[in-house]
Amino acid sequence: VYVIGPLRTASSQIEEETGIRPSILSPALWARVDVEHEMRD
């Protein structure tokens, strides 16, 4: 809930680069999000 915005942004970026939209379980998706920083913000 707290990082959904950055997750969607990262998902769009990966789709632009690879042509495939990653799932929420994709390690590559979470690697692009600083969870602690985003939750705090």
PDB file of all heavy atoms in Angstrom:
ATOM      1  N   VAL A   1       0.829  -1.208   0.000  1.00  0.00           N
ATOM      2  CA  VAL A   1       0.000   0.000   0.000  1.00  0.00           C
ATOM      3  C   VAL A   1       0.861   1.255   0.000  1.00  0.00           C
ATOM      4  O   VAL A   1       0.614   2.202  -0.757  1.00  0.00           O
ATOM      5  CB  VAL A   1      -0.946   0.005   1.217  1.00  0.00           C
ATOM      6  CG1 VAL A   1      -1.577   1.386   1.405  1.00  0.00           C
ATOM      7  CG2 VAL A   1      -2.040  -1.035   1.029  1.00  0.00           C
ATOM      8  N   TYR A   2       1.889   1.270   0.824  1.00  0.00           N
ATOM      9  CA  TYR A   2       2.707   2.471   0.967  1.00  0.00           C
ATOM     10  C   TYR A   2       3.673   2.687  -0.199  1.00  0.00           C
ATOM     11  O   TYR A   2       4.126   3.816  -0.429  1.00  0.00           O
ATOM     12  CB  TYR A   2       3.478   2.436   2.286  1.00  0.00           C
ATOM     13  CG  TYR A   2       2.639   2.828   3.481  1.00  0.00           C
ATOM     14  CD1 TYR A   2       2.368   1.924   4.504  1.00  0.00           C
ATOM     15  CD2 TYR A   2       2.108   4.106   3.582  1.00  0.00           C
ATOM     16  CE1 TYR A   2       1.598   2.289   5.609  1.00  0.00           C
ATOM     17  CE2 TYR A   2       1.334   4.482   4.670  1.00  0.00           C
ATOM     18  CZ  TYR A   2       1.086   3.567   5.677  1.00  0.00           C
ATOM     19  OH  TYR A   2       0.319   3.931   6.762  1.00  0.00           O
ATOM     20  N   VAL A   3       4.001   1.622  -0.935  1.00  0.00           N
ATOM     21  CA  VAL A   3       4.978   1.790  -2.028  1.00  0.00           C
ATOM     22  C   VAL A   3       4.353   1.504  -3.385  1.00  0.00           C
ATOM     23  O   VAL A   3       5.068   1.296  -4.359  1.00  0.00           O
ATOM     24  CB  VAL A   3       6.215   0.880  -1.806  1.00  0.00           C
ATOM     25  CG1 VAL A   3       6.881   1.191  -0.479  1.00  0.00           C
ATOM     26  CG2 VAL A   3       5.849  -0.599  -1.895  1.00  0.00           C
ATOM     27  N   ILE A   4       3.032   1.511  -3.471  1.00  0.00           N
ATOM     28  CA  ILE A   4       2.368   1.144  -4.724  1.00  0.00           C
ATOM     29  C   ILE A   4       2.726   2.092  -5.859  1.00  0.00           C
ATOM     30  O   ILE A   4       2.876   1.677  -7.011  1.00  0.00           O
ATOM     31  CB  ILE A   4       0.831   1.081  -4.525  1.00  0.00           C
ATOM     32  CG1 ILE A   4       0.162   0.362  -5.698  1.00  0.00           C
ATOM     33  CG2 ILE A   4       0.251   2.468  -4.318  1.00  0.00           C
ATOM     34  CD1 ILE A   4       0.472  -1.093  -5.772  1.00  0.00           C
ATOM     35  N   GLY A   5       2.873   3.376  -5.562  1.00  0.00           N
ATOM     36  CA  GLY A   5       3.232   4.339  -6.597  1.00  0.00           C
ATOM     37  C   GLY A   5       4.582   4.033  -7.229  1.00  0.00           C
ATOM     38  O   GLY A   5       4.690   3.886  -8.452  1.00  0.00           O
ATOM     39  N   PRO A   6       5.652   3.937  -6.426  1.00  0.00           N
ATOM     40  CA  PRO A   6       6.960   3.570  -6.975  1.00  0.00           C
ATOM     41  C   PRO A   6       6.954   2.199  -7.656  1.00  0.00           C
ATOM     42  O   PRO A   6       7.669   2.004  -8.644  1.00  0.00           O
ATOM     43  CB  PRO A   6       7.869   3.568  -5.743  1.00  0.00           C
ATOM     44  CG  PRO A   6       7.208   4.521  -4.790  1.00  0.00           C
ATOM     45  CD  PRO A   6       5.742   4.334  -5.004  1.00  0.00           C
ATOM     46  N   LEU A   7       6.175   1.253  -7.146  1.00  0.00           N
ATOM     47  CA  LEU A   7       6.098  -0.059  -7.794  1.00  0.00           C
ATOM     48  C   LEU A   7       5.527   0.064  -9.200  1.00  0.00           C
ATOM     49  O   LEU A   7       6.023  -0.563 -10.150  1.00  0.00           O
ATOM     50  CB  LEU A   7       5.237  -1.010  -6.960  1.00  0.00           C
ATOM     51  CG  LEU A   7       5.879  -1.662  -5.735  1.00  0.00           C
ATOM     52  CD1 LEU A   7       4.852  -2.488  -4.974  1.00  0.00           C
ATOM     53  CD2 LEU A   7       7.053  -2.549  -6.153  1.00  0.00           C
ATOM     54  N   ARG A   8       4.480   0.859  -9.350  1.00  0.00           N
ATOM     55  CA  ARG A   8       3.880   1.043 -10.670  1.00  0.00           C
ATOM     56  C   ARG A   8       4.858   1.738 -11.617  1.00  0.00           C
ATOM     57  O   ARG A   8       4.934   1.391 -12.801  1.00  0.00           O
ATOM     58  CB  ARG A   8       2.590   1.844 -10.543  1.00  0.00           C
ATOM     59  CG  ARG A   8       1.452   1.075  -9.884  1.00  0.00           C
ATOM     60  CD  ARG A   8       0.279   1.990  -9.582  1.00  0.00           C
ATOM     61  NE  ARG A   8      -0.835   1.245  -8.988  1.00  0.00           N
ATOM     62  CZ  ARG A   8      -1.864   1.819  -8.376  1.00  0.00           C
ATOM     63  NH1 ARG A   8      -1.932   3.153  -8.286  1.00  0.00           N
ATOM     64  NH2 ARG A   8      -2.833   1.089  -7.860  1.00  0.00           N
ATOM     65  N   THR A   9       5.584   2.726 -11.099  1.00  0.00           N
ATOM     66  CA  THR A   9       6.575   3.414 -11.928  1.00  0.00           C
ATOM     67  C   THR A   9       7.658   2.450 -12.392  1.00  0.00           C
ATOM     68  O   THR A   9       8.026   2.426 -13.575  1.00  0.00           O
ATOM     69  CB  THR A   9       7.218   4.574 -11.141  1.00  0.00           C
ATOM     70  OG1 THR A   9       6.209   5.508 -10.760  1.00  0.00           O
ATOM     71  CG2 THR A   9       8.255   5.287 -11.986  1.00  0.00           C
ATOM     72  N   ALA A  10       8.158   1.642 -11.471  1.00  0.00           N
ATOM     73  CA  ALA A  10       9.189   0.671 -11.811  1.00  0.00           C
ATOM     74  C   ALA A  10       8.660  -0.368 -12.793  1.00  0.00           C
ATOM     75  O   ALA A  10       9.373  -0.792 -13.719  1.00  0.00           O
ATOM     76  CB  ALA A  10       9.696  -0.012 -10.541  1.00  0.00           C
ATOM     77  N   SER A  11       7.407  -0.771 -12.611  1.00  0.00           N
ATOM     78  CA  SER A  11       6.797  -1.744 -13.511  1.00  0.00           C
ATOM     79  C   SER A  11       6.724  -1.201 -14.930  1.00  0.00           C
ATOM     80  O   SER A  11       7.021  -1.910 -15.901  1.00  0.00           O
ATOM     81  CB  SER A  11       5.401  -2.100 -13.009  1.00  0.00           C
ATOM     82  OG  SER A  11       4.755  -3.003 -13.883  1.00  0.00           O
ATOM     83  N   SER A  12       6.351   0.071 -15.069  1.00  0.00           N
ATOM     84  CA  SER A  12       6.273   0.695 -16.399  1.00  0.00           C
ATOM     85  C   SER A  12       7.648   0.789 -17.041  1.00  0.00           C
ATOM     86  O   SER A  12       7.803   0.577 -18.255  1.00  0.00           O
ATOM     87  CB  SER A  12       5.649   2.086 -16.284  1.00  0.00           C
ATOM     88  OG  SER A  12       4.321   2.011 -15.805  1.00  0.00           O
ATOM     89  N   GLN A  13       8.654   1.100 -16.238  1.00  0.00           N
ATOM     90  CA  GLN A  13      10.017   1.204 -16.763  1.00  0.00           C
ATOM     91  C   GLN A  13      10.515  -0.142 -17.279  1.00  0.00           C
ATOM     92  O   GLN A  13      11.115  -0.224 -18.360  1.00  0.00           O
ATOM     93  CB  GLN A  13      10.949   1.722 -15.668  1.00  0.00           C
ATOM     94  CG  GLN A  13      10.701   3.170 -15.274  1.00  0.00           C
ATOM     95  CD  GLN A  13      11.514   3.584 -14.060  1.00  0.00           C
ATOM     96  OE1 GLN A  13      12.096   2.745 -13.361  1.00  0.00           O
ATOM     97  NE2 GLN A  13      11.555   4.887 -13.788  1.00  0.00           N
ATOM     98  N   ILE A  14      10.232  -1.187 -16.518  1.00  0.00           N
ATOM     99  CA  ILE A  14      10.658  -2.527 -16.943  1.00  0.00           C
ATOM    100  C   ILE A  14       9.929  -2.940 -18.220  1.00  0.00           C
ATOM    101  O   ILE A  14      10.524  -3.542 -19.122  1.00  0.00           O
ATOM    102  CB  ILE A  14      10.406  -3.550 -15.813  1.00  0.00           C
ATOM    103  CG1 ILE A  14      11.340  -3.265 -14.633  1.00  0.00           C
ATOM    104  CG2 ILE A  14      10.612  -4.977 -16.312  1.00  0.00           C
ATOM    105  CD1 ILE A  14      11.093  -4.139 -13.415  1.00  0.00           C
ATOM    106  N   GLU A  15       8.652  -2.588 -18.304  1.00  0.00           N
ATOM    107  CA  GLU A  15       7.890  -2.927 -19.507  1.00  0.00           C
ATOM    108  C   GLU A  15       8.443  -2.206 -20.733  1.00  0.00           C
ATOM    109  O   GLU A  15       8.529  -2.775 -21.828  1.00  0.00           O
ATOM    110  CB  GLU A  15       6.420  -2.572 -19.318  1.00  0.00           C
ATOM    111  CG  GLU A  15       5.539  -3.000 -20.494  1.00  0.00           C
ATOM    112  CD  GLU A  15       4.081  -2.650 -20.287  1.00  0.00           C
ATOM    113  OE1 GLU A  15       3.790  -1.724 -19.505  1.00  0.00           O
ATOM    114  OE2 GLU A  15       3.231  -3.312 -20.914  1.00  0.00           O
ATOM    115  N   GLU A  16       8.845  -0.946 -20.554  1.00  0.00           N
ATOM    116  CA  GLU A  16       9.432  -0.193 -21.666  1.00  0.00           C
ATOM    117  C   GLU A  16      10.759  -0.801 -22.118  1.00  0.00           C
ATOM    118  O   GLU A  16      11.081  -0.810 -23.312  1.00  0.00           O
ATOM    119  CB  GLU A  16       9.652   1.259 -21.248  1.00  0.00           C
ATOM    120  CG  GLU A  16       8.374   2.061 -21.076  1.00  0.00           C
ATOM    121  CD  GLU A  16       8.641   3.479 -20.604  1.00  0.00           C
ATOM    122  OE1 GLU A  16       9.843   3.835 -20.487  1.00  0.00           O
ATOM    123  OE2 GLU A  16       7.677   4.227 -20.365  1.00  0.00           O
ATOM    124  N   GLU A  17      11.512  -1.323 -21.159  1.00  0.00           N
ATOM    125  CA  GLU A  17      12.826  -1.868 -21.478  1.00  0.00           C
ATOM    126  C   GLU A  17      12.765  -3.281 -22.054  1.00  0.00           C
ATOM    127  O   GLU A  17      13.566  -3.646 -22.919  1.00  0.00           O
ATOM    128  CB  GLU A  17      13.696  -1.880 -20.216  1.00  0.00           C
ATOM    129  CG  GLU A  17      13.983  -0.489 -19.659  1.00  0.00           C
ATOM    130  CD  GLU A  17      14.585  -0.543 -18.272  1.00  0.00           C
ATOM    131  OE1 GLU A  17      14.843  -1.670 -17.783  1.00  0.00           O
ATOM    132  OE2 GLU A  17      14.805   0.525 -17.667  1.00  0.00           O
ATOM    133  N   THR A  18      11.825  -4.078 -21.554  1.00  0.00           N
ATOM    134  CA  THR A  18      11.791  -5.498 -21.939  1.00  0.00           C
ATOM    135  C   THR A  18      10.577  -5.886 -22.765  1.00  0.00           C
ATOM    136  O   THR A  18      10.560  -6.958 -23.369  1.00  0.00           O
ATOM    137  CB  THR A  18      11.824  -6.384 -20.677  1.00  0.00           C
ATOM    138  OG1 THR A  18      10.618  -6.169 -19.918  1.00  0.00           O
ATOM    139  CG2 THR A  18      13.028  -6.035 -19.797  1.00  0.00           C
ATOM    140  N   GLY A  19       9.549  -5.055 -22.744  1.00  0.00           N
ATOM    141  CA  GLY A  19       8.317  -5.408 -23.439  1.00  0.00           C
ATOM    142  C   GLY A  19       7.406  -6.302 -22.619  1.00  0.00           C
ATOM    143  O   GLY A  19       6.340  -6.696 -23.077  1.00  0.00           O
ATOM    144  N   ILE A  20       7.825  -6.636 -21.405  1.00  0.00           N
ATOM    145  CA  ILE A  20       7.045  -7.516 -20.528  1.00  0.00           C
ATOM    146  C   ILE A  20       6.792  -6.800 -19.208  1.00  0.00           C
ATOM    147  O   ILE A  20       7.731  -6.273 -18.594  1.00  0.00           O
ATOM    148  CB  ILE A  20       7.782  -8.839 -20.263  1.00  0.00           C
ATOM    149  CG1 ILE A  20       8.039  -9.577 -21.584  1.00  0.00           C
ATOM    150  CG2 ILE A  20       6.972  -9.719 -19.304  1.00  0.00           C
ATOM    151  CD1 ILE A  20       8.869 -10.823 -21.416  1.00  0.00           C
ATOM    152  N   ARG A  21       5.538  -6.789 -18.778  1.00  0.00           N
ATOM    153  CA  ARG A  21       5.204  -6.157 -17.506  1.00  0.00           C
ATOM    154  C   ARG A  21       5.417  -7.170 -16.384  1.00  0.00           C
ATOM    155  O   ARG A  21       4.818  -8.243 -16.397  1.00  0.00           O
ATOM    156  CB  ARG A  21       3.754  -5.673 -17.510  1.00  0.00           C
ATOM    157  CG  ARG A  21       3.467  -4.607 -16.472  1.00  0.00           C
ATOM    158  CD  ARG A  21       2.128  -3.952 -16.708  1.00  0.00           C
ATOM    159  NE  ARG A  21       1.885  -2.848 -15.801  1.00  0.00           N
ATOM    160  CZ  ARG A  21       2.253  -1.597 -16.014  1.00  0.00           C
ATOM    161  NH1 ARG A  21       2.880  -1.307 -17.138  1.00  0.00           N
ATOM    162  NH2 ARG A  21       1.999  -0.643 -15.143  1.00  0.00           N
ATOM    163  N   PRO A  22       6.257  -6.854 -15.404  1.00  0.00           N
ATOM    164  CA  PRO A  22       6.573  -7.830 -14.346  1.00  0.00           C
ATOM    165  C   PRO A  22       5.422  -7.997 -13.363  1.00  0.00           C
ATOM    166  O   PRO A  22       4.574  -7.125 -13.222  1.00  0.00           O
ATOM    167  CB  PRO A  22       7.782  -7.205 -13.660  1.00  0.00           C
ATOM    168  CG  PRO A  22       7.582  -5.728 -13.838  1.00  0.00           C
ATOM    169  CD  PRO A  22       6.955  -5.572 -15.200  1.00  0.00           C
ATOM    170  N   SER A  23       5.442  -9.124 -12.677  1.00  0.00           N
ATOM    171  CA  SER A  23       4.443  -9.362 -11.642  1.00  0.00           C
ATOM    172  C   SER A  23       4.927  -8.775 -10.330  1.00  0.00           C
ATOM    173  O   SER A  23       6.102  -8.410 -10.185  1.00  0.00           O
ATOM    174  CB  SER A  23       4.176 -10.853 -11.476  1.00  0.00           C
ATOM    175  OG  SER A  23       5.184 -11.457 -10.680  1.00  0.00           O
ATOM    176  N   ILE A  24       4.039  -8.718  -9.369  1.00  0.00           N
ATOM    177  CA  ILE A  24       4.370  -8.145  -8.069  1.00  0.00           C
ATOM    178  C   ILE A  24       5.395  -9.000  -7.322  1.00  0.00           C
ATOM    179  O   ILE A  24       6.036  -8.540  -6.383  1.00  0.00           O
ATOM    180  CB  ILE A  24       3.088  -7.980  -7.223  1.00  0.00           C
ATOM    181  CG1 ILE A  24       3.343  -7.041  -6.046  1.00  0.00           C
ATOM    182  CG2 ILE A  24       2.576  -9.331  -6.754  1.00  0.00           C
ATOM    183  CD1 ILE A  24       2.096  -6.685  -5.289  1.00  0.00           C
ATOM    184  N   LEU A  25       5.572 -10.250  -7.751  1.00  0.00           N
ATOM    185  CA  LEU A  25       6.537 -11.142  -7.108  1.00  0.00           C
ATOM    186  C   LEU A  25       7.909 -11.090  -7.773  1.00  0.00           C
ATOM    187  O   LEU A  25       8.828 -11.786  -7.346  1.00  0.00           O
ATOM    188  CB  LEU A  25       6.015 -12.586  -7.141  1.00  0.00           C
ATOM    189  CG  LEU A  25       4.685 -12.842  -6.431  1.00  0.00           C
ATOM    190  CD1 LEU A  25       4.286 -14.309  -6.567  1.00  0.00           C
ATOM    191  CD2 LEU A  25       4.758 -12.433  -4.972  1.00  0.00           C
ATOM    192  N   SER A  26       8.055 -10.266  -8.806  1.00  0.00           N
ATOM    193  CA  SER A  26       9.316 -10.203  -9.535  1.00  0.00           C
ATOM    194  C   SER A  26      10.416  -9.534  -8.703  1.00  0.00           C
ATOM    195  O   SER A  26      10.266  -8.386  -8.273  1.00  0.00           O
ATOM    196  CB  SER A  26       9.124  -9.428 -10.837  1.00  0.00           C
ATOM    197  OG  SER A  26      10.364  -9.153 -11.441  1.00  0.00           O
ATOM    198  N   PRO A  27      11.545 -10.214  -8.485  1.00  0.00           N
ATOM    199  CA  PRO A  27      12.671  -9.587  -7.756  1.00  0.00           C
ATOM    200  C   PRO A  27      13.186  -8.337  -8.470  1.00  0.00           C
ATOM    201  O   PRO A  27      13.616  -7.384  -7.820  1.00  0.00           O
ATOM    202  CB  PRO A  27      13.728 -10.695  -7.733  1.00  0.00           C
ATOM    203  CG  PRO A  27      12.959 -11.963  -7.896  1.00  0.00           C
ATOM    204  CD  PRO A  27      11.830 -11.628  -8.802  1.00  0.00           C
ATOM    205  N   ALA A  28      13.137  -8.353  -9.812  1.00  0.00           N
ATOM    206  CA  ALA A  28      13.619  -7.192 -10.569  1.00  0.00           C
ATOM    207  C   ALA A  28      12.776  -5.953 -10.285  1.00  0.00           C
ATOM    208  O   ALA A  28      13.294  -4.830 -10.288  1.00  0.00           O
ATOM    209  CB  ALA A  28      13.596  -7.518 -12.068  1.00  0.00           C
ATOM    210  N   LEU A  29      11.504  -6.161 -10.047  1.00  0.00           N
ATOM    211  CA  LEU A  29      10.620  -5.041  -9.733  1.00  0.00           C
ATOM    212  C   LEU A  29      10.973  -4.430  -8.387  1.00  0.00           C
ATOM    213  O   LEU A  29      11.142  -3.211  -8.261  1.00  0.00           O
ATOM    214  CB  LEU A  29       9.160  -5.519  -9.739  1.00  0.00           C
ATOM    215  CG  LEU A  29       8.099  -4.489  -9.354  1.00  0.00           C
ATOM    216  CD1 LEU A  29       8.068  -3.345 -10.353  1.00  0.00           C
ATOM    217  CD2 LEU A  29       6.722  -5.155  -9.253  1.00  0.00           C
ATOM    218  N   TRP A  30      11.121  -5.269  -7.383  1.00  0.00           N
ATOM    219  CA  TRP A  30      11.401  -4.780  -6.031  1.00  0.00           C
ATOM    220  C   TRP A  30      12.816  -4.217  -5.909  1.00  0.00           C
ATOM    221  O   TRP A  30      13.083  -3.361  -5.066  1.00  0.00           O
ATOM    222  CB  TRP A  30      11.186  -5.900  -5.020  1.00  0.00           C
ATOM    223  CG  TRP A  30       9.740  -6.204  -4.814  1.00  0.00           C
ATOM    224  CD1 TRP A  30       8.999  -7.155  -5.453  1.00  0.00           C
ATOM    225  CD2 TRP A  30       8.841  -5.526  -3.934  1.00  0.00           C
ATOM    226  NE1 TRP A  30       7.692  -7.128  -5.024  1.00  0.00           N
ATOM    227  CE2 TRP A  30       7.564  -6.133  -4.083  1.00  0.00           C
ATOM    228  CE3 TRP A  30       8.973  -4.485  -3.027  1.00  0.00           C
ATOM    229  CZ2 TRP A  30       6.448  -5.722  -3.362  1.00  0.00           C
ATOM    230  CZ3 TRP A  30       7.861  -4.066  -2.297  1.00  0.00           C
ATOM    231  CH2 TRP A  30       6.616  -4.685  -2.479  1.00  0.00           C
ATOM    232  N   ALA A  31      13.719  -4.684  -6.790  1.00  0.00           N
ATOM    233  CA  ALA A  31      15.092  -4.180  -6.743  1.00  0.00           C
ATOM    234  C   ALA A  31      15.165  -2.701  -7.107  1.00  0.00           C
ATOM    235  O   ALA A  31      16.131  -2.023  -6.756  1.00  0.00           O
ATOM    236  CB  ALA A  31      15.975  -4.990  -7.694  1.00  0.00           C
ATOM    237  N   ARG A  32      14.153  -2.205  -7.799  1.00  0.00           N
ATOM    238  CA  ARG A  32      14.154  -0.801  -8.228  1.00  0.00           C
ATOM    239  C   ARG A  32      13.457   0.124  -7.224  1.00  0.00           C
ATOM    240  O   ARG A  32      13.350   1.321  -7.479  1.00  0.00           O
ATOM    241  CB  ARG A  32      13.460  -0.673  -9.584  1.00  0.00           C
ATOM    242  CG  ARG A  32      14.145  -1.438 -10.695  1.00  0.00           C
ATOM    243  CD  ARG A  32      13.637  -1.022 -12.035  1.00  0.00           C
ATOM    244  NE  ARG A  32      14.289  -1.767 -13.113  1.00  0.00           N
ATOM    245  CZ  ARG A  32      14.390  -1.327 -14.365  1.00  0.00           C
ATOM    246  NH1 ARG A  32      13.911  -0.135 -14.685  1.00  0.00           N
ATOM    247  NH2 ARG A  32      14.971  -2.068 -15.293  1.00  0.00           N
ATOM    248  N   VAL A  33      12.980  -0.439  -6.146  1.00  0.00           N
ATOM    249  CA  VAL A  33      12.246   0.362  -5.160  1.00  0.00           C
ATOM    250  C   VAL A  33      12.963   0.327  -3.820  1.00  0.00           C
ATOM    251  O   VAL A  33      13.253  -0.748  -3.289  1.00  0.00           O
ATOM    252  CB  VAL A  33      10.797  -0.168  -4.994  1.00  0.00           C
ATOM    253  CG1 VAL A  33      10.061   0.644  -3.938  1.00  0.00           C
ATOM    254  CG2 VAL A  33      10.051  -0.128  -6.323  1.00  0.00           C
ATOM    255  N   ASP A  34      13.257   1.495  -3.283  1.00  0.00           N
ATOM    256  CA  ASP A  34      13.828   1.605  -1.937  1.00  0.00           C
ATOM    257  C   ASP A  34      12.657   1.595  -0.956  1.00  0.00           C
ATOM    258  O   ASP A  34      12.071   2.638  -0.647  1.00  0.00           O
ATOM    259  CB  ASP A  34      14.635   2.895  -1.812  1.00  0.00           C
ATOM    260  CG  ASP A  34      15.383   2.992  -0.478  1.00  0.00           C
ATOM    261  OD1 ASP A  34      14.968   2.314   0.487  1.00  0.00           O
ATOM    262  OD2 ASP A  34      16.369   3.749  -0.407  1.00  0.00           O
ATOM    263  N   VAL A  35      12.300   0.412  -0.497  1.00  0.00           N
ATOM    264  CA  VAL A  35      11.082   0.232   0.294  1.00  0.00           C
ATOM    265  C   VAL A  35      11.097   1.079   1.557  1.00  0.00           C
ATOM    266  O   VAL A  35      10.126   1.775   1.873  1.00  0.00           O
ATOM    267  CB  VAL A  35      10.888  -1.257   0.647  1.00  0.00           C
ATOM    268  CG1 VAL A  35       9.685  -1.424   1.585  1.00  0.00           C
ATOM    269  CG2 VAL A  35      10.692  -2.081  -0.621  1.00  0.00           C
ATOM    270  N   GLU A  36      12.202   1.035   2.300  1.00  0.00           N
ATOM    271  CA  GLU A  36      12.274   1.792   3.558  1.00  0.00           C
ATOM    272  C   GLU A  36      12.093   3.289   3.318  1.00  0.00           C
ATOM    273  O   GLU A  36      11.336   3.966   4.020  1.00  0.00           O
ATOM    274  CB  GLU A  36      13.596   1.519   4.255  1.00  0.00           C
ATOM    275  CG  GLU A  36      13.733   2.229   5.594  1.00  0.00           C
ATOM    276  CD  GLU A  36      15.069   1.958   6.271  1.00  0.00           C
ATOM    277  OE1 GLU A  36      15.844   1.122   5.745  1.00  0.00           O
ATOM    278  OE2 GLU A  36      15.343   2.588   7.314  1.00  0.00           O
ATOM    279  N   HIS A  37      12.795   3.804   2.312  1.00  0.00           N
ATOM    280  CA  HIS A  37      12.718   5.233   2.006  1.00  0.00           C
ATOM    281  C   HIS A  37      11.304   5.617   1.554  1.00  0.00           C
ATOM    282  O   HIS A  37      10.754   6.630   2.012  1.00  0.00           O
ATOM    283  CB  HIS A  37      13.731   5.563   0.913  1.00  0.00           C
ATOM    284  CG  HIS A  37      13.592   6.958   0.371  1.00  0.00           C
ATOM    285  ND1 HIS A  37      14.037   8.063   1.067  1.00  0.00           N
ATOM    286  CD2 HIS A  37      13.034   7.439  -0.785  1.00  0.00           C
ATOM    287  CE1 HIS A  37      13.786   9.155   0.362  1.00  0.00           C
ATOM    288  NE2 HIS A  37      13.179   8.807  -0.759  1.00  0.00           N
ATOM    289  N   GLU A  38      10.719   4.810   0.679  1.00  0.00           N
ATOM    290  CA  GLU A  38       9.388   5.128   0.151  1.00  0.00           C
ATOM    291  C   GLU A  38       8.318   5.055   1.228  1.00  0.00           C
ATOM    292  O   GLU A  38       7.403   5.886   1.274  1.00  0.00           O
ATOM    293  CB  GLU A  38       9.032   4.185  -0.999  1.00  0.00           C
ATOM    294  CG  GLU A  38       9.919   4.321  -2.225  1.00  0.00           C
ATOM    295  CD  GLU A  38       9.790   5.678  -2.892  1.00  0.00           C
ATOM    296  OE1 GLU A  38       8.804   6.389  -2.615  1.00  0.00           O
ATOM    297  OE2 GLU A  38      10.677   6.035  -3.690  1.00  0.00           O
ATOM    298  N   MET A  39       8.423   4.073   2.111  1.00  0.00           N
ATOM    299  CA  MET A  39       7.441   3.971   3.195  1.00  0.00           C
ATOM    300  C   MET A  39       7.541   5.171   4.129  1.00  0.00           C
ATOM    301  O   MET A  39       6.534   5.736   4.540  1.00  0.00           O
ATOM    302  CB  MET A  39       7.649   2.665   3.970  1.00  0.00           C
ATOM    303  CG  MET A  39       7.205   1.423   3.230  1.00  0.00           C
ATOM    304  SD  MET A  39       7.199  -0.043   4.278  1.00  0.00           S
ATOM    305  CE  MET A  39       5.872   0.333   5.418  1.00  0.00           C
ATOM    306  N   ARG A  40       8.768   5.553   4.455  1.00  0.00           N
ATOM    307  CA  ARG A  40       8.968   6.702   5.340  1.00  0.00           C
ATOM    308  C   ARG A  40       8.417   7.980   4.709  1.00  0.00           C
ATOM    309  O   ARG A  40       7.738   8.778   5.354  1.00  0.00           O
ATOM    310  CB  ARG A  40      10.449   6.852   5.659  1.00  0.00           C
ATOM    311  CG  ARG A  40      10.755   7.959   6.677  1.00  0.00           C
ATOM    312  CD  ARG A  40      12.190   7.909   7.134  1.00  0.00           C
ATOM    313  NE  ARG A  40      13.119   8.036   6.016  1.00  0.00           N
ATOM    314  CZ  ARG A  40      13.887   7.042   5.577  1.00  0.00           C
ATOM    315  NH1 ARG A  40      13.828   5.860   6.160  1.00  0.00           N
ATOM    316  NH2 ARG A  40      14.710   7.219   4.556  1.00  0.00           N
ATOM    317  N   ASP A  41       8.683   8.149   3.417  1.00  0.00           N
ATOM    318  CA  ASP A  41       8.212   9.350   2.730  1.00  0.00           C
ATOM    319  C   ASP A  41       6.698   9.369   2.605  1.00  0.00           C
ATOM    320  O   ASP A  41       6.060  10.411   2.787  1.00  0.00           O
ATOM    321  CB  ASP A  41       8.844   9.438   1.340  1.00  0.00           C
ATOM    322  CG  ASP A  41      10.241  10.043   1.387  1.00  0.00           C
ATOM    323  OD1 ASP A  41      10.731  10.299   2.508  1.00  0.00           O
ATOM    324  OD2 ASP A  41      10.833  10.246   0.317  1.00  0.00           O
TER     325      ASP A  41
END
